[in-house]
Protein backbone atom coordinates (compact mmCIF):
# COMPACT_ATOMS: atom_id res chain seq x y z
CA MET A 1 -18.49 -13.29 -20.48
CA ARG A 2 -16.15 -16.02 -19.29
CA LEU A 3 -13.30 -14.47 -21.32
CA ALA A 4 -14.02 -11.05 -19.82
CA SER A 5 -13.69 -12.56 -16.36
CA LEU A 6 -10.43 -14.38 -17.06
CA ALA A 7 -8.63 -11.84 -19.25
CA PRO A 8 -10.34 -8.43 -19.26
CA GLY A 9 -7.40 -6.88 -21.08
CA LEU A 10 -7.74 -9.33 -23.96
CA VAL A 11 -11.41 -8.38 -24.38
CA ALA A 12 -10.41 -4.71 -24.52
CA LEU A 13 -7.75 -5.48 -27.14
CA ARG A 14 -10.30 -7.27 -29.33
CA GLY A 15 -12.10 -3.95 -29.73
CA TYR A 16 -8.90 -2.01 -30.45
CA ARG A 17 -9.09 0.84 -33.00
CA PRO A 18 -5.68 1.07 -34.74
CA SER A 19 -6.63 4.00 -36.94
CA GLN A 20 -7.43 6.15 -33.90
CA ASP A 21 -5.03 4.93 -31.22
CA LEU A 22 -2.05 3.08 -32.72
CA PHE A 23 0.20 6.08 -33.39
CA ARG A 24 -0.28 7.48 -29.88
CA ASP A 25 0.17 4.06 -28.25
CA VAL A 26 3.40 3.37 -30.16
CA PHE A 27 4.87 6.75 -29.24
CA ALA A 28 3.84 6.31 -25.60
CA GLY A 29 5.21 2.74 -25.52
CA LEU A 30 8.62 3.88 -26.78
CA SER A 31 8.62 6.66 -24.17
CA VAL A 32 7.83 4.15 -21.42
CA ALA A 33 10.68 1.91 -22.62
CA ALA A 34 13.07 4.88 -22.52
CA VAL A 35 12.20 5.43 -18.85
CA ALA A 36 12.00 1.73 -17.94
CA LEU A 37 15.44 0.85 -19.35
CA PRO A 38 17.64 2.77 -16.89
CA VAL A 39 15.24 2.38 -13.97
CA SER A 40 15.00 -1.39 -14.43
CA ILE A 41 18.79 -1.71 -14.54
CA ALA A 42 19.12 0.44 -11.43
CA TYR A 43 16.48 -1.52 -9.54
CA ALA A 44 18.17 -4.79 -10.45
CA GLU A 45 21.29 -3.39 -8.75
CA LEU A 46 19.15 -2.44 -5.75
CA ALA A 47 17.76 -5.97 -5.59
CA GLY A 48 21.31 -7.36 -5.68
CA LEU A 49 20.89 -8.97 -9.11
CA PRO A 50 22.65 -8.70 -12.49
CA PRO A 51 21.48 -5.70 -14.57
CA VAL A 52 19.93 -7.86 -17.27
CA THR A 53 17.39 -9.26 -14.80
CA GLY A 54 15.86 -5.78 -14.59
CA LEU A 55 15.07 -6.00 -18.30
CA TYR A 56 13.79 -9.56 -17.93
CA ALA A 57 11.40 -8.27 -15.24
CA SER A 58 10.11 -5.59 -17.63
CA ILE A 59 9.09 -7.64 -20.67
CA LEU A 60 6.77 -10.58 -19.96
CA PRO A 61 5.14 -8.84 -16.94
CA LEU A 62 4.05 -5.98 -19.22
CA LEU A 63 2.55 -8.51 -21.62
CA ALA A 64 0.83 -10.42 -18.78
CA TYR A 65 -0.71 -7.32 -17.28
CA ALA A 66 -1.93 -6.08 -20.65
CA LEU A 67 -3.94 -9.31 -20.95
CA PHE A 68 -5.13 -9.79 -17.37
CA GLY A 69 -5.27 -6.29 -15.87
CA THR A 70 -8.32 -4.07 -15.63
CA SER A 71 -6.47 -0.77 -16.13
CA ARG A 72 -5.79 0.36 -19.67
CA GLN A 73 -2.97 2.66 -18.50
CA LEU A 74 -0.99 0.91 -15.75
CA MET A 75 2.60 -0.16 -16.47
CA VAL A 76 3.99 -2.96 -14.29
CA ASN A 77 7.75 -2.81 -13.70
CA PRO A 78 10.28 -3.23 -10.92
CA ASP A 79 9.75 -0.90 -7.97
CA ALA A 80 12.19 0.46 -5.39
CA ALA A 81 10.22 -0.67 -2.35
CA THR A 82 9.74 -4.26 -3.51
CA CYS A 83 13.37 -4.52 -4.63
CA ALA A 84 14.53 -3.44 -1.18
CA MET A 85 12.18 -5.99 0.39
CA LEU A 86 13.54 -8.75 -1.85
CA ALA A 87 17.12 -7.96 -0.89
CA ALA A 88 16.25 -7.84 2.81
CA ALA A 89 14.43 -11.17 2.66
CA VAL A 90 16.93 -13.18 0.60
CA THR A 91 20.35 -11.84 1.63
CA PRO A 92 20.41 -13.69 5.00
CA LEU A 93 19.42 -16.96 3.29
CA ALA A 94 21.83 -16.97 0.35
CA GLY A 95 25.10 -16.97 2.31
CA GLY A 96 26.89 -14.80 -0.24
CA ASP A 97 26.31 -17.21 -3.16
CA PRO A 98 25.20 -15.06 -6.19
CA GLY A 99 23.65 -18.00 -8.06
CA LEU A 100 21.70 -19.17 -5.02
CA TYR A 101 20.68 -15.58 -4.30
CA ALA A 102 19.23 -15.11 -7.81
CA ALA A 103 17.42 -18.45 -7.63
CA MET A 104 15.86 -17.57 -4.26
CA VAL A 105 14.70 -14.17 -5.53
CA MET A 106 12.95 -15.86 -8.45
CA VAL A 107 11.33 -18.45 -6.19
CA LEU A 108 10.17 -15.71 -3.83
CA THR A 109 8.73 -13.83 -6.85
CA LEU A 110 6.95 -16.99 -7.98
CA PHE A 111 5.47 -17.46 -4.50
CA THR A 112 4.42 -13.81 -4.52
CA GLY A 113 2.50 -14.36 -7.75
CA LEU A 114 0.85 -17.51 -6.40
CA PHE A 115 -0.07 -15.69 -3.20
CA CYS A 116 -1.75 -12.91 -5.20
CA ILE A 117 -3.81 -15.39 -7.23
CA LEU A 118 -4.77 -17.35 -4.11
CA ALA A 119 -5.83 -14.08 -2.44
CA SER A 120 -8.01 -13.33 -5.46
CA LEU A 121 -9.80 -16.66 -5.14
CA PHE A 122 -10.79 -15.64 -1.60
CA ARG A 123 -11.69 -12.13 -2.82
CA LEU A 124 -9.07 -10.52 -0.62
CA GLY A 125 -8.80 -7.38 -2.75
CA VAL A 126 -9.83 -5.51 0.39
CA LEU A 127 -6.23 -6.04 1.53
CA ALA A 128 -5.45 -3.01 -0.61
CA ASP A 129 -7.18 -0.93 2.05
CA PHE A 130 -5.54 -2.68 4.99
CA LEU A 131 -2.22 -0.88 4.86
CA SER A 132 -3.41 2.53 5.95
CA ARG A 133 -2.01 5.71 4.48
CA PRO A 134 0.17 6.45 7.55
CA ILE A 135 1.67 2.95 7.37
CA LEU A 136 2.46 3.34 3.66
CA ILE A 137 3.99 6.76 4.24
CA GLY A 138 6.16 5.38 7.03
CA PHE A 139 7.11 2.30 5.02
CA LEU A 140 8.16 4.28 1.94
CA ASN A 141 10.02 6.83 4.05
CA GLY A 142 11.94 4.02 5.72
CA ILE A 143 12.67 2.39 2.37
CA SER A 144 13.83 5.77 1.03
CA PHE A 145 16.35 6.21 3.85
CA SER A 146 17.60 2.63 3.46
CA ILE A 147 18.10 3.04 -0.30
CA VAL A 148 20.04 6.29 0.09
CA LEU A 149 22.30 4.70 2.67
CA GLY A 150 22.85 1.69 0.42
CA GLN A 151 23.93 3.82 -2.56
CA ILE A 152 26.42 6.12 -0.84
CA GLY A 153 29.23 3.62 -1.38
CA LYS A 154 28.63 3.60 -5.15
CA LEU A 155 28.95 7.39 -5.26
CA LEU A 156 32.10 7.47 -3.14
CA GLY A 157 33.79 4.58 -4.90
CA PHE A 158 34.06 1.99 -2.13
CA SER A 159 32.04 -1.02 -1.03
CA VAL A 160 29.96 -1.14 2.16
CA HIS A 161 29.46 -4.57 3.72
CA SER A 162 27.81 -3.88 7.08
CA GLY A 163 24.16 -4.60 7.67
CA GLY A 164 21.85 -2.43 9.75
CA ILE A 165 21.67 1.34 9.84
CA ILE A 166 24.16 2.22 12.59
CA PRO A 167 26.89 -0.26 11.54
CA ARG A 168 26.53 0.86 7.92
CA LEU A 169 26.78 4.54 8.87
CA LEU A 170 29.86 3.85 10.99
CA GLU A 171 31.52 1.91 8.16
CA ILE A 172 30.82 4.73 5.69
CA ILE A 173 32.32 7.30 8.08
CA GLN A 174 35.40 5.13 8.65
CA LYS A 175 35.93 4.68 4.89
CA LEU A 176 35.50 8.32 3.91
CA PRO A 177 39.31 8.71 3.50
CA GLN A 178 39.10 5.95 0.84
CA THR A 179 36.80 8.05 -1.35
CA HIS A 180 37.66 7.62 -5.03
CA THR A 181 37.72 11.16 -6.43
CA PRO A 182 36.93 10.36 -10.11
CA THR A 183 33.94 8.25 -9.03
CA LEU A 184 32.71 11.01 -6.73
CA LEU A 185 33.03 13.62 -9.50
CA LEU A 186 31.14 11.36 -11.90
CA GLY A 187 28.41 10.86 -9.30
CA LEU A 188 28.10 14.61 -8.72
CA PHE A 189 27.94 15.14 -12.48
CA SER A 190 25.13 12.56 -12.66
CA PHE A 191 23.19 14.38 -9.95
CA ALA A 192 23.61 17.68 -11.78
CA VAL A 193 22.36 16.18 -15.05
CA LEU A 194 19.36 14.61 -13.29
CA LEU A 195 18.32 17.84 -11.62
CA LEU A 196 18.96 20.15 -14.59
CA SER A 197 17.35 17.90 -17.18
CA GLN A 198 14.17 17.68 -15.12
CA ARG A 199 13.94 21.47 -15.23
CA LEU A 200 15.28 22.26 -18.70
CA LEU A 201 14.41 19.10 -20.68
CA PRO A 202 11.28 17.71 -19.01
CA ARG A 203 10.28 15.64 -22.04
CA ILE A 204 13.54 13.66 -22.07
CA PRO A 205 13.78 10.82 -19.50
CA ALA A 206 16.36 12.13 -17.02
CA ALA A 207 17.56 8.68 -15.92
CA LEU A 208 18.18 7.60 -19.53
CA LEU A 209 20.11 10.78 -20.26
CA VAL A 210 22.30 10.25 -17.18
CA LEU A 211 23.17 6.67 -18.15
CA VAL A 212 23.91 7.64 -21.75
CA LEU A 213 26.16 10.55 -20.77
CA GLY A 214 27.83 8.50 -18.04
CA ALA A 215 28.54 5.65 -20.48
CA LEU A 216 29.93 8.13 -23.03
CA ALA A 217 32.21 9.63 -20.37
CA VAL A 218 33.53 6.20 -19.38
CA TRP A 219 34.12 5.22 -23.02
CA LEU A 220 35.66 8.48 -24.25
CA LEU A 221 37.83 9.14 -21.19
CA ASP A 222 38.68 5.47 -20.54
CA LEU A 223 37.62 5.86 -16.92
CA THR A 224 37.81 2.13 -16.25
CA SER A 225 41.61 2.47 -16.43
CA ILE A 226 41.47 4.63 -13.29
CA ASN A 227 39.21 2.16 -11.46
CA VAL A 228 35.80 3.76 -12.05
CA ALA A 229 33.37 0.88 -11.48
CA VAL A 230 30.98 -0.01 -14.32
CA LEU A 231 28.27 -2.56 -14.97
CA ALA A 232 29.29 -6.07 -15.77
CA PRO A 233 28.74 -7.07 -19.43
CA VAL A 234 25.04 -7.56 -20.08
CA GLN A 235 24.05 -10.88 -21.61
CA ALA A 236 22.34 -10.45 -24.96
CA GLY A 237 19.23 -12.36 -25.96
CA LEU A 238 15.73 -12.91 -24.69
CA PRO A 239 15.26 -14.43 -21.23
CA PRO A 240 15.12 -18.24 -21.09
CA LEU A 241 11.89 -19.62 -19.66
CA LYS A 242 12.43 -22.03 -16.78
CA LEU A 243 10.92 -22.92 -13.42
CA PRO A 244 13.11 -21.49 -10.63
CA SER A 245 14.22 -23.70 -7.76
CA ALA A 246 15.74 -23.24 -4.32
CA PRO A 247 16.75 -25.51 -1.43
CA LEU A 248 13.79 -27.05 0.37
CA SER A 249 15.04 -25.71 3.70
CA ALA A 250 14.64 -22.12 2.43
CA LEU A 251 11.11 -22.52 1.05
CA PRO A 252 9.21 -21.77 4.31
CA SER A 253 11.13 -18.52 4.81
CA LEU A 254 10.68 -17.52 1.17
CA ALA A 255 6.96 -18.32 1.30
CA GLY A 256 6.52 -16.24 4.46
CA SER A 257 8.38 -13.29 2.97
CA SER A 258 6.35 -13.53 -0.23
CA ALA A 259 3.17 -12.73 1.69
CA GLY A 260 4.64 -9.43 2.88
CA VAL A 261 6.00 -8.61 -0.59
CA ALA A 262 2.63 -9.42 -2.17
CA LEU A 263 0.77 -7.21 0.30
CA VAL A 264 3.07 -4.24 -0.27
CA LEU A 265 3.32 -4.50 -4.05
CA PHE A 266 -0.43 -5.01 -4.44
CA THR A 267 -1.27 -2.13 -2.10
CA SER A 268 1.18 0.36 -3.64
CA GLY A 269 0.29 -0.77 -7.17
CA THR A 270 -3.42 -0.45 -6.50
CA ILE A 271 -2.96 3.08 -5.19
CA THR A 272 -1.24 3.98 -8.48
CA CYS A 273 -3.86 2.10 -10.50
CA ARG A 274 -6.81 3.76 -8.75
CA SER A 275 -5.24 7.18 -9.06
CA PHE A 276 -4.87 6.99 -12.84
CA ALA A 277 -8.22 5.25 -13.27
CA SER A 278 -9.88 8.11 -11.40
CA ARG A 279 -8.26 10.64 -13.73
CA GLY A 280 -9.24 8.57 -16.76
CA GLY A 281 -12.87 8.23 -15.66
CA TYR A 282 -13.06 4.44 -15.37
CA ARG A 283 -13.10 1.85 -12.57
CA ILE A 284 -10.85 -1.07 -11.75
CA ASP A 285 -11.66 -4.41 -10.14
CA VAL A 286 -9.24 -4.97 -7.24
CA ASP A 287 -9.81 -8.73 -7.15
CA ARG A 288 -9.05 -8.99 -10.87
CA GLU A 289 -6.01 -6.80 -10.24
CA LEU A 290 -4.77 -9.43 -7.78
CA VAL A 291 -4.87 -11.99 -10.58
CA ALA A 292 -3.08 -9.60 -12.94
CA TYR A 293 -0.30 -8.93 -10.43
CA GLY A 294 -0.07 -12.63 -9.72
CA VAL A 295 0.30 -13.60 -13.37
CA ALA A 296 2.75 -10.73 -13.99
CA ASN A 297 5.00 -11.84 -11.12
CA MET A 298 4.84 -15.49 -12.13
CA ALA A 299 5.79 -14.46 -15.68
CA SER A 300 8.70 -12.47 -14.26
CA ALA A 301 9.92 -15.40 -12.15
CA LEU A 302 9.67 -17.87 -15.05
CA SER A 303 11.67 -15.52 -17.30
CA GLY A 304 14.50 -14.84 -14.85
CA GLY A 305 13.13 -11.60 -13.39
CA PHE A 306 11.99 -10.47 -9.97
CA ALA A 307 8.97 -8.90 -8.29
CA VAL A 308 7.04 -6.20 -10.16
CA THR A 309 4.15 -3.88 -9.37
CA GLY A 310 2.33 -0.89 -10.77
CA ALA A 311 5.03 1.69 -11.51
CA ASP A 312 3.94 5.29 -11.03
CA SER A 313 6.74 6.99 -13.03
CA ARG A 314 6.33 4.71 -16.05
CA THR A 315 2.53 4.90 -15.88
CA ALA A 316 2.75 8.69 -15.72
CA MET A 317 5.02 8.63 -18.78
CA ALA A 318 2.49 6.47 -20.65
CA VAL A 319 -0.36 8.86 -19.83
CA THR A 320 1.50 12.10 -20.53
CA SER A 321 2.81 10.68 -23.82
CA GLY A 322 -0.74 10.07 -25.02
CA GLY A 323 -1.09 6.32 -24.46
CA ARG A 324 -4.70 5.22 -24.73
CA SER A 325 -4.77 1.46 -24.23
CA GLN A 326 -2.94 -1.69 -23.17
CA VAL A 327 -1.08 -1.57 -26.49
CA THR A 328 1.24 1.00 -24.87
CA GLY A 329 2.55 -1.71 -22.55
CA LEU A 330 2.91 -4.20 -25.41
CA VAL A 331 4.98 -1.71 -27.43
CA ALA A 332 7.18 -0.97 -24.38
CA ALA A 333 7.78 -4.71 -23.89
CA ALA A 334 8.69 -5.13 -27.58
CA ALA A 335 11.10 -2.18 -27.40
CA LEU A 336 12.87 -3.60 -24.33
CA ALA A 337 13.08 -7.03 -25.99
CA SER A 338 14.69 -5.37 -29.03
CA ILE A 339 17.30 -3.75 -26.79
CA LEU A 340 18.10 -7.15 -25.28
CA LEU A 341 18.54 -8.62 -28.75
CA TRP A 342 20.68 -5.96 -30.42
CA PHE A 343 21.80 -3.15 -28.10
CA THR A 344 23.28 -4.65 -24.92
CA ALA A 345 26.95 -3.95 -25.73
CA PRO A 346 26.91 -0.23 -24.77
CA MET A 347 25.52 -1.08 -21.31
CA GLN A 348 28.89 -2.35 -20.13
CA PHE A 349 30.11 1.26 -20.03
CA VAL A 350 27.39 2.47 -17.64
CA PRO A 351 29.10 3.65 -14.41
CA LEU A 352 27.78 2.41 -11.08
CA ALA A 353 27.98 5.97 -9.75
CA ALA A 354 25.37 7.05 -12.29
CA LEU A 355 23.11 4.19 -11.25
CA GLY A 356 23.59 5.18 -7.62
CA ALA A 357 22.54 8.73 -8.44
CA VAL A 358 19.42 7.50 -10.24
CA LEU A 359 18.45 5.34 -7.28
CA MET A 360 19.11 8.06 -4.72
CA LEU A 361 16.91 10.50 -6.63
CA ALA A 362 14.22 7.82 -6.89
CA ALA A 363 14.52 7.27 -3.12
CA TYR A 364 14.17 11.01 -2.54
CA SER A 365 10.93 10.99 -4.52
CA LEU A 366 9.62 8.25 -2.19
CA PHE A 367 10.19 10.35 0.92
CA ASP A 368 6.98 12.19 1.78
CA LEU A 369 7.74 14.94 4.28
CA ALA A 370 4.57 16.90 3.46
CA SER A 371 2.33 13.99 4.45
CA LEU A 372 4.29 13.51 7.67
CA LYS A 373 3.67 17.16 8.58
CA ARG A 374 -0.01 16.72 7.79
CA LEU A 375 -0.23 13.65 10.02
CA TRP A 376 1.44 15.57 12.84
CA THR A 377 -1.17 18.30 12.49
CA LEU A 378 -4.23 16.08 12.15
CA ASP A 379 -3.52 12.99 14.27
CA ARG A 380 -0.46 12.49 16.47
CA LYS A 381 -1.23 8.78 16.91
CA GLU A 382 -1.23 8.23 13.14
CA PHE A 383 2.03 10.20 12.98
CA ALA A 384 3.54 7.92 15.64
CA LEU A 385 2.38 4.83 13.72
CA SER A 386 4.04 6.16 10.56
CA LEU A 387 7.25 6.95 12.42
CA ILE A 388 7.35 3.52 14.08
CA THR A 389 6.95 1.92 10.65
CA SER A 390 9.88 3.94 9.30
CA LEU A 391 12.07 3.04 12.27
CA GLY A 392 11.08 -0.61 11.92
CA VAL A 393 12.11 -0.62 8.27
CA VAL A 394 15.48 1.05 8.77
CA THR A 395 16.43 -0.92 11.89
CA LEU A 396 14.90 -4.35 11.30
CA GLY A 397 14.58 -4.47 7.51
CA ALA A 398 11.70 -3.98 5.10
CA ILE A 399 9.89 -7.27 5.75
CA ASN A 400 10.05 -7.06 9.55
CA GLY A 401 9.23 -3.36 9.46
CA ILE A 402 6.02 -3.87 7.51
CA LEU A 403 5.03 -6.82 9.72
CA ILE A 404 5.46 -4.65 12.82
CA ALA A 405 3.40 -1.88 11.23
CA VAL A 406 0.61 -4.25 10.24
CA ALA A 407 0.59 -5.75 13.74
CA LEU A 408 0.31 -2.27 15.25
CA ALA A 409 -2.51 -1.42 12.86
CA VAL A 410 -4.39 -4.59 13.80
CA ILE A 411 -3.90 -3.92 17.51
CA ARG A 412 -5.14 -0.37 17.11
CA PHE A 413 -8.12 -1.49 15.05
CA VAL A 414 -9.07 -4.11 17.65
CA LYS A 415 -8.65 -1.58 20.43
CA HIS A 416 -10.90 0.96 18.68
CA THR A 417 -13.53 -1.67 17.98
CA ALA A 418 -13.36 -3.37 21.37
CA ARG A 419 -13.27 -0.06 23.26
CA PRO A 420 -15.13 2.37 21.01
CA ARG A 421 -15.92 5.95 21.92
CA VAL A 422 -19.02 6.33 24.10
CA GLU A 423 -21.00 9.59 23.96
CA LEU A 424 -23.90 11.19 25.78
CA LEU A 425 -26.03 13.29 23.44
CA GLY A 426 -28.05 16.44 23.88
CA ARG A 427 -29.30 19.61 22.24
CA VAL A 428 -26.89 22.32 21.07
CA LYS A 429 -28.16 25.83 20.47
CA GLY A 430 -28.08 26.72 16.77
CA LEU A 431 -27.64 23.12 15.60
CA GLN A 432 -30.30 20.67 14.52
CA GLY A 433 -30.41 17.12 15.84
CA PHE A 434 -28.56 15.65 18.80
CA HIS A 435 -24.82 16.10 19.39
CA SER A 436 -22.12 14.85 21.72
CA LEU A 437 -22.07 16.71 25.02
CA GLN A 438 -18.35 15.95 25.32
CA THR A 439 -17.67 17.72 22.02
CA HIS A 440 -20.09 20.57 22.76
CA PRO A 441 -19.72 21.60 26.42
CA ASP A 442 -22.45 24.22 25.93
CA GLY A 443 -24.96 21.51 24.94
CA LYS A 444 -27.75 20.42 27.29
CA ALA A 445 -29.17 16.97 27.96
CA VAL A 446 -32.86 16.42 27.29
CA PRO A 447 -34.59 16.52 30.74
CA GLY A 448 -35.63 13.04 31.89
CA LEU A 449 -33.62 11.29 29.14
CA MET A 450 -30.13 9.89 28.76
CA LEU A 451 -29.24 9.62 25.07
CA PHE A 452 -26.39 7.09 24.87
CA ARG A 453 -24.31 6.41 21.74
CA PHE A 454 -21.98 3.41 21.39
CA ASN A 455 -19.85 3.96 18.26
CA ALA A 456 -19.33 0.38 17.10
CA PRO A 457 -21.14 -2.89 16.36
CA LEU A 458 -22.26 -4.58 19.58
CA VAL A 459 -20.53 -7.96 19.49
CA PHE A 460 -18.78 -10.48 21.70
CA PHE A 461 -15.51 -8.60 22.21
CA ASN A 462 -17.07 -5.29 23.30
CA ALA A 463 -20.41 -6.35 24.89
CA ASP A 464 -18.99 -6.19 28.43
CA HIS A 465 -17.54 -2.75 27.71
CA PHE A 466 -20.96 -1.57 26.49
CA LEU A 467 -22.62 -2.85 29.66
CA GLU A 468 -19.96 -1.31 31.92
CA GLN A 469 -20.12 2.11 30.22
CA SER A 470 -23.93 2.12 30.29
CA ARG A 471 -24.06 1.36 34.02
CA ARG A 472 -21.39 3.96 34.77
CA ALA A 473 -23.29 6.63 32.82
CA VAL A 474 -26.45 5.91 34.84
CA ALA A 475 -24.57 5.83 38.16
CA GLU A 476 -22.96 9.22 37.48
CA ALA A 477 -26.17 10.89 36.27
CA THR A 478 -27.77 13.55 38.52
CA PRO A 479 -30.74 13.33 38.57
CA LYS A 480 -31.28 9.82 37.28
CA PRO A 481 -33.02 9.62 33.90
CA GLN A 482 -36.46 8.13 33.41
CA TRP A 483 -35.56 6.69 30.00
CA PHE A 484 -32.18 5.36 28.87
CA VAL A 485 -32.18 5.75 25.08
CA VAL A 486 -29.52 3.86 23.10
CA ASP A 487 -28.73 5.37 19.70
CA ALA A 488 -28.56 2.15 17.68
CA ILE A 489 -27.54 3.71 14.34
CA PRO A 490 -23.79 3.01 14.83
CA MET A 491 -24.59 -0.59 15.83
CA ASP A 492 -24.68 -2.04 12.34
CA ARG A 493 -24.31 -5.55 13.79
CA ILE A 494 -25.42 -7.15 17.05
CA ASP A 495 -24.58 -10.78 17.83
CA ILE A 496 -25.92 -13.01 20.60
CA SER A 497 -23.41 -11.56 23.11
CA GLY A 498 -24.72 -8.11 22.25
CA VAL A 499 -28.32 -9.23 22.78
CA ASN A 500 -27.37 -10.70 26.17
CA ALA A 501 -25.71 -7.39 27.10
CA LEU A 502 -28.90 -5.52 26.22
CA GLN A 503 -30.94 -7.95 28.33
CA GLN A 504 -28.61 -7.47 31.31
CA LEU A 505 -28.76 -3.71 30.84
CA ASN A 506 -32.54 -3.86 30.76
CA GLN A 507 -32.63 -5.82 34.05
CA PHE A 508 -30.26 -3.32 35.67
CA LEU A 509 -32.27 -0.33 34.47
CA GLU A 510 -35.57 -1.87 35.63
CA SER A 511 -34.07 -2.32 39.09
CA GLU A 512 -33.28 1.42 39.03
CA GLY A 513 -36.76 2.33 37.81
CA ILE A 514 -35.47 3.37 34.36
CA ARG A 515 -36.91 2.31 31.01
CA LEU A 516 -34.55 1.05 28.27
CA VAL A 517 -35.32 2.34 24.76
CA LEU A 518 -33.53 1.68 21.46
CA ALA A 519 -33.65 4.34 18.72
CA GLY A 520 -32.69 3.47 15.13
CA ARG A 521 -32.64 0.24 13.12
CA ARG A 522 -36.10 -0.68 14.47
CA SER A 523 -36.97 -3.05 11.62
CA GLU A 524 -33.61 -4.82 11.86
CA PHE A 525 -34.00 -5.30 15.62
CA ILE A 526 -37.52 -6.69 15.25
CA GLN A 527 -36.46 -9.14 12.52
CA GLY A 528 -33.36 -10.22 14.43
CA LEU A 529 -35.22 -10.74 17.70
CA LYS A 530 -37.96 -12.70 15.95
CA ALA A 531 -35.30 -14.94 14.40
CA MET A 532 -34.01 -15.61 17.93
CA GLY A 533 -37.53 -16.21 19.23
CA MET A 534 -37.29 -13.25 21.58
CA ASP A 535 -39.90 -10.87 20.10
CA SER A 536 -42.85 -9.59 22.11
CA PRO A 537 -45.29 -6.67 21.84
CA THR A 538 -43.78 -5.14 24.98
CA LEU A 539 -40.31 -5.26 23.45
CA GLU A 540 -41.48 -3.60 20.23
CA GLN A 541 -42.82 -0.70 22.26
CA LYS A 542 -39.25 0.04 23.33
CA LEU A 543 -38.03 0.36 19.73
CA PHE A 544 -38.20 3.61 17.74
CA PRO A 545 -37.00 4.39 14.23
CA THR A 546 -35.10 7.56 15.24
CA LEU A 547 -33.91 9.51 18.26
CA HIS A 548 -36.38 12.28 17.45
CA GLN A 549 -39.31 9.87 17.62
CA ALA A 550 -38.04 8.40 20.90
CA VAL A 551 -37.81 11.90 22.42
CA ARG A 552 -41.28 12.79 21.10
CA ALA A 553 -42.73 9.57 22.57
CA PHE A 554 -41.17 10.38 25.95
CA ARG A 555 -42.65 13.86 25.99
CA MET A 556 -46.09 12.52 25.12
CA THR A 557 -46.15 10.15 28.09
CA PRO A 558 -48.36 11.27 31.02
CA GLY A 559 -46.68 13.68 33.41
CA GLN A 560 -44.09 14.93 30.88
CA PRO A 561 -43.91 18.44 29.37
CA GLY A 562 -45.35 18.66 25.85
CA MET A 563 -43.50 19.41 22.68
């Protein structure tokens, strides 16, 4: 049982059935490696690191997740969003020093892993639900735009040095006359291959095909002689294991950024993980997933890689290729390690324009216009939140953009909880029960009663609002009700401030000749009031299990019309 808690993947592997699953897992693992190879190299470029680090980030993390993860299908690999966040966080700190930059990225990745494990100890898996869907849509849309803008220079054959969206756009426009025609043609060819292969050869990884054809073109036509930019030579051999280090002065900034990276990679990875688990008919443990992501990122940092998360494209490849267990990830890791050992030489012919095309198509897949339209239709405020997140990402950078979005989400949550919707209820013809009179203008209040619903827990930060809204409802009522009935079902928690608000409301209503009644959660109220030493037979007579019973009791009192 202890082993299952520490390494659930290892327990699953102990029951592995080679005769039934090995062939499918090996085939799926090789397919995943074929997709992961070009994507990992491209994402290393996006993160501002040497291409080989993309492969480093794709070997030990796959092994770590296979042992510690709770999904038998998820593949952990570099991801466009996290790579963009890494670059945004570290570039201002490194001062243009490539060695220092790489070291800081690895330290940030190590901190990210530690943050994930620490969050698991406090059972903060609920953080996966904190970044709402509109925030994630806005974040990924902003990242998508930033990636496209960052790759235009690779396709046109010149470098872009400006930071920020407007300065970068202006620099690109100014340098358009410097466009290198052979590079542009190679980039357009890469786009054509990507788009056509997805339609005509769906079983062949499009990104791998583009890199292979691009490398062949560079080699056969000697394109480097006409200044077509290619990857630097890729160092052969497995990654050395070492503890990364960075200047002490940079550690606070790196630690702060790691929290944002951890939140985003865990949230986006968990969405992918839950999606495939739902299709596969099994459940995942989000707190154990935090540990798995933490160990995977620490393994990546110790082996010279960078931040990783659940990768949707590689997970989809594993599933569609027939992968059935964690062995798929182990085979993919072994295949990538073999490439590092024996097949790195051809990578030096891969053109940067082809990598730029791969990244731009990946960025396009991140952009979710359909969801934006849906948000506009369903909730304009959620649409605005998503748009603000996108603008924050493209203008202030990925880290600051997500922090702004989270702050806005917290403010909105507090506002909704501190100032929840208040409703007066009544009967609606053709509908059973009691319904909001604001929503149903044709509804009618129950004569002699005011049915009042407060749609939130009654606690210290909204108790005054509850009291104010209750008094206002009574003051505006014509004629005044005889009973003021509070629908307590939405009040799943009432603290001492809430109890005091109810007492003040009761005193106010008594001065107006109105009786206060609570409907719903009767047993909870009685137990809670007894615990506070405030119970009394008179008080219990004001508590009813449901609104229906409160209305029935009112109608049975002397002088009221019968049922």
